[in-house]
Protein backbone atom coordinates (compact mmCIF):
# COMPACT_ATOMS: atom_id res chain seq x y z
CA MET A 1 19.44 1.51 -19.38
CA SER A 2 17.70 4.09 -21.53
CA PRO A 3 17.76 7.86 -20.56
CA THR A 4 13.87 7.87 -20.15
CA GLN A 5 12.71 4.92 -18.08
CA GLN A 6 9.36 3.45 -18.39
CA VAL A 7 7.05 2.97 -15.25
CA ILE A 8 4.64 0.58 -16.36
CA PHE A 9 1.41 0.06 -14.30
CA VAL A 10 -0.52 -3.22 -14.56
CA VAL A 11 -4.20 -2.67 -14.27
CA PRO A 12 -5.72 -5.94 -12.94
CA PRO A 13 -9.50 -6.69 -12.67
CA TYR A 14 -10.90 -5.55 -9.50
CA VAL A 15 -8.14 -3.40 -8.70
CA HIS A 16 -7.95 -1.32 -5.47
CA VAL A 17 -7.90 2.13 -6.87
CA LEU A 18 -5.45 3.83 -4.42
CA ASP A 19 -3.10 0.94 -4.84
CA LEU A 20 -2.82 2.07 -8.47
CA THR A 21 -3.21 5.81 -8.35
CA GLY A 22 -0.97 6.44 -5.19
CA PRO A 23 2.17 5.26 -7.12
CA VAL A 24 0.87 6.75 -10.46
CA GLN A 25 0.77 10.10 -8.71
CA VAL A 26 4.31 9.83 -7.42
CA PHE A 27 5.78 9.40 -10.70
CA TYR A 28 3.36 11.75 -12.34
CA GLU A 29 4.72 14.52 -10.06
CA ALA A 30 8.41 13.31 -10.70
CA VAL A 31 7.96 13.80 -14.40
CA GLU A 32 6.43 17.16 -13.78
CA TYR A 33 9.62 18.00 -11.91
CA GLY A 34 11.84 16.92 -14.75
CA ALA A 35 12.46 13.19 -13.84
CA PRO A 36 12.92 11.06 -16.89
CA TYR A 37 10.20 8.78 -16.78
CA GLN A 38 7.28 7.60 -19.16
CA LEU A 39 4.16 6.40 -17.48
CA GLN A 40 2.35 3.34 -19.36
CA TYR A 41 -0.61 1.38 -18.51
CA CYS A 42 -1.29 -2.18 -19.40
CA SER A 43 -3.58 -5.23 -18.58
CA PHE A 44 -4.23 -8.77 -19.26
CA GLN A 45 -8.00 -8.30 -19.56
CA ASN A 46 -10.20 -6.18 -21.72
CA GLN A 47 -13.15 -5.45 -19.45
CA LEU A 48 -12.00 -3.63 -16.30
CA VAL A 49 -13.73 -2.56 -13.23
CA SER A 50 -12.15 -1.44 -9.82
CA SER A 51 -13.00 -3.19 -6.74
CA ALA A 52 -15.30 -0.32 -5.80
CA GLY A 53 -17.17 -0.58 -8.96
CA LEU A 54 -15.39 2.17 -10.99
CA ALA A 55 -15.52 1.27 -14.76
CA ILE A 56 -11.87 1.58 -16.28
CA GLY A 57 -11.49 2.35 -19.92
CA PRO A 58 -9.63 0.45 -22.46
CA VAL A 59 -6.06 -0.32 -21.59
CA GLN A 60 -3.46 -1.81 -23.89
CA PRO A 61 -2.48 -5.58 -23.52
CA PHE A 62 0.59 -6.27 -21.86
CA THR A 63 1.91 -7.77 -25.05
CA GLN A 64 2.10 -4.43 -26.62
CA VAL A 65 4.44 -3.03 -23.93
CA GLN A 66 8.16 -3.31 -24.47
CA PRO A 67 9.97 -2.77 -21.11
CA GLN A 68 13.75 -2.28 -21.13
CA PRO A 69 16.38 -3.20 -18.49
CA GLY A 70 15.85 -0.61 -15.72
CA ASP A 71 12.43 0.12 -16.30
CA LEU A 72 9.79 -0.43 -13.38
CA ILE A 73 6.48 -2.54 -13.56
CA PHE A 74 3.86 -1.97 -10.67
CA VAL A 75 1.25 -4.60 -9.99
CA PRO A 76 -1.19 -3.12 -7.61
CA GLY A 77 -3.46 -5.05 -5.31
CA MET A 78 -7.12 -6.36 -6.17
CA GLU A 79 -10.01 -8.27 -4.67
CA MET A 80 -8.85 -11.43 -3.19
CA ALA A 81 -11.97 -13.29 -4.44
CA TYR A 82 -10.51 -12.68 -7.96
CA ILE A 83 -6.92 -13.76 -6.75
CA ARG A 84 -8.27 -16.96 -5.56
CA SER A 85 -10.13 -17.66 -8.64
CA ALA A 86 -9.31 -20.25 -11.39
CA GLU A 87 -9.58 -17.37 -13.76
CA CYS A 88 -6.72 -15.46 -12.23
CA LYS A 89 -4.39 -18.46 -11.81
CA ALA A 90 -5.01 -19.33 -15.56
CA GLU A 91 -3.25 -16.11 -16.76
CA HIS A 92 -0.09 -18.06 -17.89
CA ASP A 93 0.66 -15.83 -20.73
CA PHE A 94 0.99 -12.82 -18.35
CA GLN A 95 2.90 -14.89 -15.79
CA ARG A 96 5.44 -15.82 -18.36
CA TRP A 97 5.79 -12.19 -19.47
CA LEU A 98 6.39 -10.95 -15.95
CA ARG A 99 9.12 -13.51 -15.52
CA GLU A 100 10.67 -12.53 -18.72
CA GLN A 101 10.81 -8.90 -17.82
CA HIS A 102 12.46 -9.56 -14.44
CA ARG A 103 15.05 -11.91 -16.27
CA GLN A 104 16.02 -9.07 -18.34
CA GLY A 105 16.51 -6.52 -15.68
CA VAL A 106 13.18 -4.87 -15.16
CA SER A 107 12.26 -4.28 -11.59
CA ILE A 108 8.86 -5.65 -10.32
CA CYS A 109 6.95 -3.75 -7.63
CA SER A 110 3.85 -5.19 -6.09
CA ILE A 111 1.36 -3.20 -3.76
CA CYS A 112 -0.65 -4.96 -1.26
CA THR A 113 -2.28 -8.14 -2.74
CA GLY A 114 -0.39 -7.72 -5.86
CA ALA A 115 2.30 -9.83 -4.21
CA PHE A 116 -0.15 -12.68 -4.79
CA LEU A 117 -0.01 -12.13 -8.48
CA VAL A 118 3.72 -11.92 -8.42
CA ALA A 119 3.94 -15.13 -6.28
CA GLN A 120 1.92 -17.02 -8.83
CA THR A 121 4.84 -16.51 -11.50
CA GLY A 122 7.43 -18.19 -8.98
CA LEU A 123 9.35 -14.99 -8.80
CA LEU A 124 8.87 -14.63 -4.99
CA ASP A 125 10.27 -18.28 -4.41
CA GLY A 126 13.02 -18.02 -1.84
CA ARG A 127 12.60 -14.08 -1.64
CA LYS A 128 11.87 -11.99 1.29
CA CYS A 129 8.57 -10.29 0.58
CA THR A 130 5.52 -8.85 2.33
CA THR A 131 1.71 -7.71 1.76
CA HIS A 132 -1.02 -6.39 3.62
CA TRP A 133 -0.92 -7.47 7.42
CA LYS A 134 -4.28 -9.27 6.87
CA ARG A 135 -2.94 -11.25 4.02
CA VAL A 136 0.60 -12.14 5.14
CA ASP A 137 -0.23 -15.65 6.52
CA GLU A 138 -2.26 -16.58 3.64
CA LEU A 139 0.47 -15.54 1.14
CA GLN A 140 2.89 -17.86 3.10
CA THR A 141 0.48 -20.61 3.35
CA THR A 142 -0.58 -20.58 -0.37
CA TYR A 143 3.16 -20.26 -1.51
CA PRO A 144 5.19 -21.95 0.98
CA ARG A 145 8.47 -21.08 -0.89
CA VAL A 146 8.10 -17.49 -0.38
CA VAL A 147 9.78 -15.84 2.66
CA THR A 148 7.23 -13.48 4.05
CA GLN A 149 8.17 -10.59 6.39
CA HIS A 150 5.58 -9.82 9.02
CA ASP A 151 4.92 -6.10 9.78
CA ARG A 152 7.23 -4.67 7.13
CA LEU A 153 6.03 -1.72 5.12
CA PHE A 154 7.96 -2.69 2.17
CA VAL A 155 10.76 -5.29 1.19
CA GLN A 156 13.32 -5.34 -1.72
CA ASP A 157 14.80 -8.70 -2.64
CA GLY A 158 16.64 -9.36 -5.89
CA GLY A 159 14.96 -6.60 -7.91
CA ILE A 160 11.45 -7.43 -6.75
CA TYR A 161 9.79 -4.82 -4.40
CA THR A 162 6.69 -5.73 -2.37
CA SER A 163 4.66 -3.65 -0.05
CA ALA A 164 1.93 -3.43 2.38
CA GLY A 165 -1.58 -2.16 1.74
CA ILE A 166 -2.88 0.90 0.13
CA THR A 167 -1.01 3.97 1.17
CA ALA A 168 2.22 1.91 1.48
CA GLY A 169 2.39 1.97 -2.38
CA ILE A 170 3.06 5.70 -2.01
CA ASP A 171 5.88 5.18 0.50
CA LEU A 172 7.46 2.42 -1.86
CA ALA A 173 7.18 4.81 -4.85
CA LEU A 174 8.87 7.56 -2.99
CA ALA A 175 11.62 5.09 -1.68
CA ILE A 176 12.32 3.96 -5.36
CA LEU A 177 12.42 7.78 -6.42
CA GLU A 178 14.97 8.30 -3.84
CA GLU A 179 17.17 5.37 -4.94
CA ARG A 180 17.05 6.62 -8.48
CA GLN A 181 16.87 10.32 -8.25
CA GLY A 182 18.22 11.07 -4.64
CA PRO A 183 16.72 12.04 -1.37
CA LEU A 184 16.34 15.84 -2.14
CA PHE A 185 14.37 15.08 -5.17
CA ALA A 186 12.17 12.53 -3.38
CA ALA A 187 11.64 15.00 -0.59
CA LYS A 188 10.33 17.58 -3.15
CA ILE A 189 7.88 15.01 -4.50
CA ALA A 190 6.55 14.17 -0.95
CA ARG A 191 6.09 17.99 -0.26
CA GLU A 192 4.23 18.24 -3.51
CA LEU A 193 2.05 15.28 -2.54
CA VAL A 194 1.55 16.74 0.96
CA VAL A 195 2.88 13.64 2.45
CA TYR A 196 3.06 14.51 6.07
CA LEU A 197 4.98 11.49 7.25
CA ARG A 198 7.49 9.64 5.00
CA ARG A 199 7.86 6.01 5.98
CA GLY A 200 10.77 3.76 5.27
CA PRO A 201 10.77 0.01 4.62
CA TYR A 202 11.30 -0.73 8.59
CA HIS A 203 8.48 1.19 9.66
CA SER A 204 5.69 -0.94 10.97
CA GLN A 205 2.51 -1.59 9.11
CA LYS A 206 0.98 -0.95 12.65
CA SER A 207 0.99 2.68 13.96
CA VAL A 208 1.88 3.91 17.51
CA TYR A 209 -0.39 6.74 16.84
CA LEU A 210 -3.47 4.35 16.56
CA ASP A 211 -2.50 1.20 18.55
CA TYR A 212 -3.07 2.65 21.95
CA ARG A 213 -6.17 4.72 21.05
CA ASN A 214 -8.68 1.86 21.38
CA HIS A 215 -10.45 3.29 24.42
CA MET A 216 -13.31 5.89 25.33
CA ASN A 217 -11.59 8.02 27.86
CA VAL A 218 -11.69 11.45 26.49
CA ALA A 219 -9.21 12.86 28.94
CA VAL A 220 -6.64 10.24 28.00
CA HIS A 221 -7.30 10.87 24.29
CA HIS A 222 -6.77 14.53 24.91
CA LEU A 223 -3.39 13.92 26.47
CA GLN A 224 -2.37 11.57 23.92
CA ASP A 225 -3.10 14.31 21.19
CA TRP A 226 -1.09 16.89 23.22
CA LEU A 227 1.97 14.33 23.55
CA ILE A 228 2.08 13.78 19.86
CA THR A 229 2.18 17.54 19.11
CA ASN A 230 4.36 18.46 21.88
CA LEU A 231 7.40 15.82 21.82
CA LYS A 232 9.94 18.62 22.08
CA THR A 233 8.45 19.90 25.53
CA LYS A 234 10.10 18.71 28.71
CA ALA A 235 6.79 18.19 30.54
CA THR A 236 6.72 16.97 34.06
CA LEU A 237 3.93 14.39 35.33
CA ASP A 238 2.21 17.45 37.00
CA ASP A 239 2.06 19.40 33.69
CA LEU A 240 0.68 16.36 32.01
CA ALA A 241 -1.95 15.91 34.83
CA GLN A 242 -3.06 19.53 34.22
CA VAL A 243 -3.54 18.87 30.53
CA ALA A 244 -5.61 15.80 31.25
CA GLY A 245 -7.43 17.60 34.13
CA MET A 246 -6.63 14.85 36.57
CA SER A 247 -4.35 14.38 39.72
CA THR A 248 -1.11 12.67 38.93
CA ARG A 249 -2.05 9.73 40.74
CA ASN A 250 -5.23 9.28 38.92
CA LEU A 251 -3.61 10.02 35.56
CA THR A 252 -0.90 7.44 36.02
CA ARG A 253 -3.50 4.69 37.04
CA THR A 254 -6.04 5.63 34.23
CA PHE A 255 -3.63 5.96 31.52
CA ARG A 256 -2.24 2.58 32.00
CA LYS A 257 -5.68 1.11 32.41
CA GLU A 258 -6.99 2.49 29.15
CA THR A 259 -3.80 1.98 26.97
CA GLY A 260 -2.02 -0.77 28.62
CA ILE A 261 1.23 1.26 28.60
CA SER A 262 2.71 3.79 30.91
CA ILE A 263 3.01 7.56 29.95
CA HIS A 264 6.59 7.23 29.94
CA ASP A 265 6.75 4.04 27.65
CA TYR A 266 4.22 5.64 25.27
CA THR A 267 5.87 8.88 25.12
CA THR A 268 9.08 7.08 24.10
CA LEU A 269 7.35 5.15 21.39
CA LEU A 270 6.02 8.37 20.00
CA ARG A 271 9.63 9.85 20.19
CA LEU A 272 11.24 6.89 18.48
CA GLU A 273 8.57 6.72 15.67
CA ARG A 274 9.15 10.49 15.09
CA ALA A 275 12.84 9.92 15.02
CA ARG A 276 12.52 7.25 12.42
CA THR A 277 10.49 9.52 10.15
CA LEU A 278 12.77 12.48 10.43
CA ARG A 279 15.84 10.29 9.15
CA HIS A 280 14.25 10.46 5.76
CA ASN A 281 14.91 14.41 5.88
CA PRO A 282 18.35 14.57 4.18
CA GLY A 283 19.02 17.89 5.79
CA MET A 284 18.74 16.68 9.35
CA THR A 285 21.60 15.67 11.66
CA MET A 286 21.33 13.25 14.37
CA GLU A 287 21.39 15.93 16.79
CA ALA A 288 18.71 17.94 15.29
CA ILE A 289 16.43 14.85 15.13
CA ALA A 290 17.04 14.37 18.99
CA GLU A 291 16.14 17.79 19.76
CA GLN A 292 13.03 17.62 17.69
CA CYS A 293 11.92 14.53 19.19
CA GLY A 294 12.49 15.67 22.87
CA PHE A 295 15.80 13.55 23.66
CA GLN A 296 18.78 15.24 25.41
CA ASP A 297 21.06 14.68 22.56
CA ALA A 298 21.81 12.16 19.92
CA ARG A 299 23.66 9.83 22.38
CA GLN A 300 20.70 9.39 24.45
CA LEU A 301 18.66 8.85 21.31
CA ARG A 302 20.84 5.99 20.18
CA ARG A 303 21.07 4.61 23.57
CA ILE A 304 17.25 4.46 23.92
CA TRP A 305 16.91 3.19 20.43
CA GLN A 306 19.38 0.25 21.19
CA LYS A 307 17.27 -0.58 24.28
CA ALA A 308 14.15 -0.96 22.06
CA GLU A 309 12.99 -4.23 21.02
CA SER A 310 15.54 -5.60 18.62
CA LYS A 311 14.70 -5.34 15.01
CA ASN A 312 16.47 -4.89 11.72
CA SER A 313 15.29 -1.13 11.74
CA THR A 314 17.18 -0.72 14.91
CA ARG A 315 20.59 -1.56 13.41
CA SER A 316 19.79 0.44 10.24
CA PHE A 317 18.94 3.46 12.26
CA ILE A 318 21.79 3.74 14.90
CA SER A 319 24.40 2.81 12.44
CA THR A 320 23.97 6.14 10.51
């Protein structure tokens, strides 16, 4: 592995801009902080325009890039209409090039629908992978030999990283940076990017902060906002009723009716999500995380986590 590693960004036709620029900005900031990376860009077409109609200047052909073992190649997402086209599927030279780079020890990283481009090469056959939640089933149907992982933010299998849509590319880039430069360095870059919540691979593509907000009750929305920002507070039901401006009985009934979940269960989900996020802070102990999230102690946090619906993320969290 060379002292300076190349981070090569493929710019495909009809690229989703944030899929590309999110990871680019992560590694640009890493270079600014002294990390040994060299950013490069390449494509397999000459005329490029983004999915939003932004024209992109000339980018060197992929054949002019010379990756070395240990380098990274990012394949961002693009319009599905192009991915499904015969033109895209006919890019056999690029497919062979990508296979060869992986064979020689280059890590391949796809963002969003970029997984389809990687799957065309056969590199995802038999491997665990993911993509945007809207496209997971189509990826599995189109390429039956891949092992799709539903509701995963990003997945790594055999030197190939795949991630969910759009902002998940930033999470993946930060995770790779943590692997290579350490958690403290990655935390510095996250702060530089003003990333409020760093998410790990076992974070859901869905969000507890959004999933229970599909209603029009202003009082319940107000209480939900209060709960999110006051997880440390040991509030009683009377306290919460005062925040919402309701009686306790009416609040209990209305909250469940509007959200489909009890106040207690909703608060627990918020606390577990916050705890999962704080695990990315290398300076925080389990006791500190429990205190920040409103649990009595680390023991209670682990016990409640174990009772949550069984997932790989559960085992990963409580074992540390």
